[in-house]
């Protein structure tokens, strides 16, 4: 919901689990806040690196149901893995 945040990928996870990976970045060189809303239920979300490996020390986005609120630094790239109920 923010024109400063650009979604660059929405895809299934590479491991075949049926999880959905969403990759996006801040494009205007300023701090940004954006809300992502999915059209499907998911049980959990994980912040990952570009190879879809969990980042334990990464700040966790706020979640309310199917709405995820993220805060990005200037030009920050973020990848989220959404764990779907029941997989594929």
N, C-alpha and C. Protein backbone atom coordinates (compact mmCIF):
# COMPACT_ATOMS: atom_id res chain seq x y z
N UNK A 1 0.81 -1.20 0.00
CA UNK A 1 0.00 0.00 0.00
C UNK A 1 0.85 1.27 0.00
N UNK A 2 2.14 1.17 -0.27
CA UNK A 2 3.04 2.33 -0.31
C UNK A 2 3.75 2.36 -1.65
N UNK A 3 3.72 3.51 -2.33
CA UNK A 3 4.39 3.58 -3.63
C UNK A 3 5.90 3.57 -3.50
N UNK A 4 6.45 3.72 -2.30
CA UNK A 4 7.89 3.64 -2.08
C UNK A 4 8.37 2.20 -1.97
N UNK A 5 7.45 1.26 -1.79
CA UNK A 5 7.81 -0.15 -1.63
C UNK A 5 7.40 -0.90 -2.89
N UNK A 6 8.38 -1.57 -3.50
CA UNK A 6 8.17 -2.27 -4.76
C UNK A 6 8.29 -3.77 -4.53
N UNK A 7 7.25 -4.51 -4.89
CA UNK A 7 7.28 -5.97 -4.80
C UNK A 7 7.99 -6.49 -6.06
N UNK A 8 9.06 -7.27 -5.86
CA UNK A 8 9.83 -7.77 -6.99
C UNK A 8 9.61 -9.25 -7.25
N UNK A 9 9.04 -9.99 -6.29
CA UNK A 9 8.77 -11.41 -6.51
C UNK A 9 7.67 -11.89 -5.58
N UNK A 10 6.81 -12.71 -6.10
CA UNK A 10 5.84 -13.49 -5.34
C UNK A 10 5.89 -14.86 -5.97
N UNK A 11 6.35 -15.86 -5.20
CA UNK A 11 6.58 -17.18 -5.79
C UNK A 11 6.47 -18.25 -4.72
N UNK A 12 6.39 -19.49 -5.16
CA UNK A 12 6.44 -20.59 -4.22
C UNK A 12 7.88 -20.80 -3.77
N UNK A 13 8.06 -21.25 -2.54
CA UNK A 13 9.40 -21.50 -2.00
C UNK A 13 10.10 -22.57 -2.83
N UNK A 14 11.41 -22.43 -2.94
CA UNK A 14 12.21 -23.34 -3.75
C UNK A 14 12.21 -24.78 -3.24
N UNK A 15 11.92 -25.00 -1.96
CA UNK A 15 11.99 -26.35 -1.41
C UNK A 15 10.74 -27.20 -1.67
N UNK A 16 9.75 -26.67 -2.39
CA UNK A 16 8.55 -27.44 -2.73
C UNK A 16 7.55 -27.59 -1.59
N UNK A 17 7.70 -26.81 -0.53
CA UNK A 17 6.84 -26.94 0.64
C UNK A 17 5.44 -26.36 0.43
N UNK A 18 5.29 -25.52 -0.58
CA UNK A 18 4.02 -24.83 -0.78
C UNK A 18 3.97 -23.48 -0.10
N UNK A 19 5.03 -23.13 0.65
CA UNK A 19 5.10 -21.80 1.26
C UNK A 19 5.25 -20.76 0.15
N UNK A 20 4.83 -19.53 0.46
CA UNK A 20 4.91 -18.43 -0.51
C UNK A 20 6.00 -17.47 -0.06
N UNK A 21 6.84 -17.09 -1.02
CA UNK A 21 7.93 -16.14 -0.76
C UNK A 21 7.57 -14.81 -1.42
N UNK A 22 7.69 -13.72 -0.66
CA UNK A 22 7.43 -12.38 -1.17
C UNK A 22 8.69 -11.56 -0.96
N UNK A 23 9.20 -10.97 -2.04
CA UNK A 23 10.42 -10.15 -1.95
C UNK A 23 10.07 -8.73 -2.39
N UNK A 24 10.55 -7.74 -1.65
CA UNK A 24 10.25 -6.35 -1.96
C UNK A 24 11.37 -5.46 -1.44
N UNK A 25 11.36 -4.20 -1.87
CA UNK A 25 12.38 -3.25 -1.41
C UNK A 25 11.83 -1.83 -1.38
N UNK A 26 12.52 -1.00 -0.61
CA UNK A 26 12.20 0.43 -0.55
C UNK A 26 12.95 1.09 -1.70
N UNK A 27 12.25 1.85 -2.54
CA UNK A 27 12.83 2.36 -3.79
C UNK A 27 13.08 3.85 -3.84
N UNK A 28 12.67 4.62 -2.84
CA UNK A 28 12.80 6.08 -2.91
C UNK A 28 13.93 6.66 -2.07
N UNK A 29 14.68 5.82 -1.38
CA UNK A 29 15.78 6.30 -0.57
C UNK A 29 15.37 6.93 0.74
N UNK A 30 14.27 6.49 1.29
CA UNK A 30 13.78 7.01 2.57
C UNK A 30 13.19 5.86 3.37
N UNK A 31 12.95 6.10 4.63
CA UNK A 31 12.27 5.08 5.44
C UNK A 31 10.83 4.94 4.94
N UNK A 32 10.33 3.71 4.99
CA UNK A 32 8.97 3.48 4.50
C UNK A 32 8.28 2.45 5.38
N UNK A 33 6.98 2.56 5.39
CA UNK A 33 6.13 1.59 6.08
C UNK A 33 5.10 1.15 5.05
N UNK A 34 4.87 -0.16 4.98
CA UNK A 34 3.89 -0.67 4.02
C UNK A 34 3.13 -1.83 4.66
N UNK A 35 1.92 -2.03 4.18
CA UNK A 35 1.11 -3.15 4.62
C UNK A 35 0.86 -4.08 3.44
N UNK A 36 1.16 -5.35 3.65
CA UNK A 36 0.89 -6.39 2.66
C UNK A 36 -0.33 -7.17 3.14
N UNK A 37 -1.22 -7.47 2.23
CA UNK A 37 -2.38 -8.27 2.60
C UNK A 37 -2.46 -9.45 1.66
N UNK A 38 -2.49 -10.66 2.23
CA UNK A 38 -2.54 -11.86 1.41
C UNK A 38 -3.99 -12.23 1.12
N UNK A 39 -4.17 -13.03 0.10
CA UNK A 39 -5.49 -13.55 -0.22
C UNK A 39 -5.64 -14.99 0.20
N UNK A 40 -4.75 -15.42 1.11
CA UNK A 40 -4.78 -16.81 1.57
C UNK A 40 -4.35 -16.84 3.03
N UNK A 41 -4.73 -17.91 3.70
CA UNK A 41 -4.36 -18.08 5.11
C UNK A 41 -2.93 -18.60 5.21
N UNK A 42 -2.21 -18.13 6.21
CA UNK A 42 -0.89 -18.68 6.48
C UNK A 42 -0.71 -18.77 7.99
N UNK A 43 0.09 -19.73 8.42
CA UNK A 43 0.22 -20.01 9.84
C UNK A 43 1.33 -19.21 10.51
N UNK A 44 2.36 -18.86 9.77
CA UNK A 44 3.50 -18.13 10.33
C UNK A 44 4.24 -17.43 9.20
N UNK A 45 5.12 -16.50 9.59
CA UNK A 45 5.98 -15.88 8.58
C UNK A 45 7.39 -15.82 9.12
N UNK A 46 8.34 -15.89 8.20
CA UNK A 46 9.75 -15.87 8.53
C UNK A 46 10.44 -14.87 7.63
N UNK A 47 11.31 -14.04 8.19
CA UNK A 47 12.16 -13.17 7.39
C UNK A 47 13.35 -14.02 6.95
N UNK A 48 13.66 -14.00 5.66
CA UNK A 48 14.73 -14.84 5.13
C UNK A 48 15.74 -14.00 4.35
N UNK A 49 16.85 -14.66 3.99
CA UNK A 49 17.80 -14.04 3.08
C UNK A 49 17.36 -14.36 1.65
N UNK A 50 18.17 -13.97 0.67
CA UNK A 50 17.79 -14.18 -0.73
C UNK A 50 17.72 -15.65 -1.12
N UNK A 51 18.38 -16.51 -0.35
CA UNK A 51 18.34 -17.95 -0.62
C UNK A 51 17.26 -18.66 0.19
N UNK A 52 16.38 -17.86 0.80
CA UNK A 52 15.23 -18.35 1.57
C UNK A 52 15.63 -19.07 2.85
N UNK A 53 16.78 -18.69 3.40
CA UNK A 53 17.22 -19.21 4.70
C UNK A 53 16.78 -18.24 5.78
N UNK A 54 16.24 -18.73 6.90
CA UNK A 54 15.75 -17.85 7.97
C UNK A 54 16.85 -16.94 8.51
N UNK A 55 16.47 -15.70 8.81
CA UNK A 55 17.36 -14.74 9.45
C UNK A 55 16.89 -14.56 10.90
N UNK A 56 17.56 -15.21 11.82
CA UNK A 56 17.12 -15.24 13.22
C UNK A 56 17.13 -13.85 13.86
N UNK A 57 18.07 -12.99 13.49
CA UNK A 57 18.20 -11.69 14.14
C UNK A 57 17.45 -10.57 13.45
N UNK A 58 16.72 -10.88 12.39
CA UNK A 58 16.00 -9.85 11.64
C UNK A 58 14.79 -9.35 12.43
N UNK A 59 14.48 -8.05 12.33
CA UNK A 59 13.26 -7.55 12.99
C UNK A 59 12.02 -8.23 12.41
N UNK A 60 11.09 -8.57 13.27
CA UNK A 60 9.86 -9.25 12.82
C UNK A 60 8.82 -8.22 12.41
N UNK A 61 8.23 -8.41 11.24
CA UNK A 61 7.12 -7.54 10.84
C UNK A 61 5.93 -7.74 11.77
N UNK A 62 5.09 -6.72 11.87
CA UNK A 62 3.85 -6.85 12.64
C UNK A 62 2.84 -7.62 11.81
N UNK A 63 2.07 -8.46 12.48
CA UNK A 63 1.07 -9.25 11.77
C UNK A 63 -0.25 -9.17 12.49
N UNK A 64 -1.31 -8.98 11.70
CA UNK A 64 -2.67 -9.02 12.23
C UNK A 64 -3.50 -9.79 11.22
N UNK A 65 -3.75 -11.07 11.50
CA UNK A 65 -4.46 -11.92 10.56
C UNK A 65 -3.66 -12.10 9.29
N UNK A 66 -4.25 -11.72 8.15
CA UNK A 66 -3.58 -11.85 6.86
C UNK A 66 -2.89 -10.55 6.45
N UNK A 67 -2.79 -9.58 7.36
CA UNK A 67 -2.14 -8.30 7.08
C UNK A 67 -0.77 -8.26 7.75
N UNK A 68 0.23 -7.87 6.99
CA UNK A 68 1.60 -7.78 7.48
C UNK A 68 2.08 -6.35 7.29
N UNK A 69 2.58 -5.74 8.36
CA UNK A 69 3.11 -4.39 8.27
C UNK A 69 4.62 -4.45 8.42
N UNK A 70 5.32 -3.87 7.45
CA UNK A 70 6.78 -3.86 7.46
C UNK A 70 7.29 -2.42 7.52
N UNK A 71 8.44 -2.26 8.11
CA UNK A 71 9.14 -0.97 8.13
C UNK A 71 10.50 -1.19 7.48
N UNK A 72 10.80 -0.38 6.48
CA UNK A 72 12.04 -0.55 5.73
C UNK A 72 12.92 0.69 5.83
N UNK A 73 14.22 0.46 5.87
CA UNK A 73 15.19 1.55 5.79
C UNK A 73 15.36 1.92 4.31
N UNK A 74 16.02 3.04 4.03
CA UNK A 74 16.24 3.42 2.63
C UNK A 74 16.91 2.29 1.84
N UNK A 75 16.31 1.94 0.72
CA UNK A 75 16.80 0.92 -0.22
C UNK A 75 16.90 -0.49 0.36
N UNK A 76 16.29 -0.72 1.51
CA UNK A 76 16.35 -2.05 2.12
C UNK A 76 15.56 -3.05 1.30
N UNK A 77 16.13 -4.25 1.17
CA UNK A 77 15.49 -5.38 0.51
C UNK A 77 15.04 -6.34 1.60
N UNK A 78 13.81 -6.86 1.50
CA UNK A 78 13.29 -7.81 2.49
C UNK A 78 12.62 -8.97 1.77
N UNK A 79 12.84 -10.17 2.31
CA UNK A 79 12.18 -11.37 1.79
C UNK A 79 11.42 -12.02 2.94
N UNK A 80 10.14 -12.28 2.71
CA UNK A 80 9.31 -12.95 3.70
C UNK A 80 8.87 -14.31 3.17
N UNK A 81 8.88 -15.28 4.04
CA UNK A 81 8.36 -16.61 3.70
C UNK A 81 7.09 -16.81 4.51
N UNK A 82 5.99 -17.02 3.81
CA UNK A 82 4.68 -17.22 4.44
C UNK A 82 4.38 -18.71 4.45
N UNK A 83 4.28 -19.27 5.63
CA UNK A 83 4.04 -20.70 5.79
C UNK A 83 2.53 -20.95 5.66
N UNK A 84 2.17 -21.65 4.59
CA UNK A 84 0.74 -21.89 4.33
C UNK A 84 0.24 -23.11 5.05
N UNK A 85 -1.04 -23.06 5.39
CA UNK A 85 -1.70 -24.22 6.02
C UNK A 85 -1.84 -25.31 4.98
N UNK A 86 -1.37 -26.48 5.31
CA UNK A 86 -1.56 -27.64 4.43
C UNK A 86 -0.68 -27.66 3.19
N UNK A 87 0.26 -26.75 3.04
CA UNK A 87 1.16 -26.76 1.90
C UNK A 87 0.46 -26.49 0.60
N UNK A 88 0.89 -27.17 -0.46
CA UNK A 88 0.40 -26.92 -1.82
C UNK A 88 -1.06 -27.27 -1.97
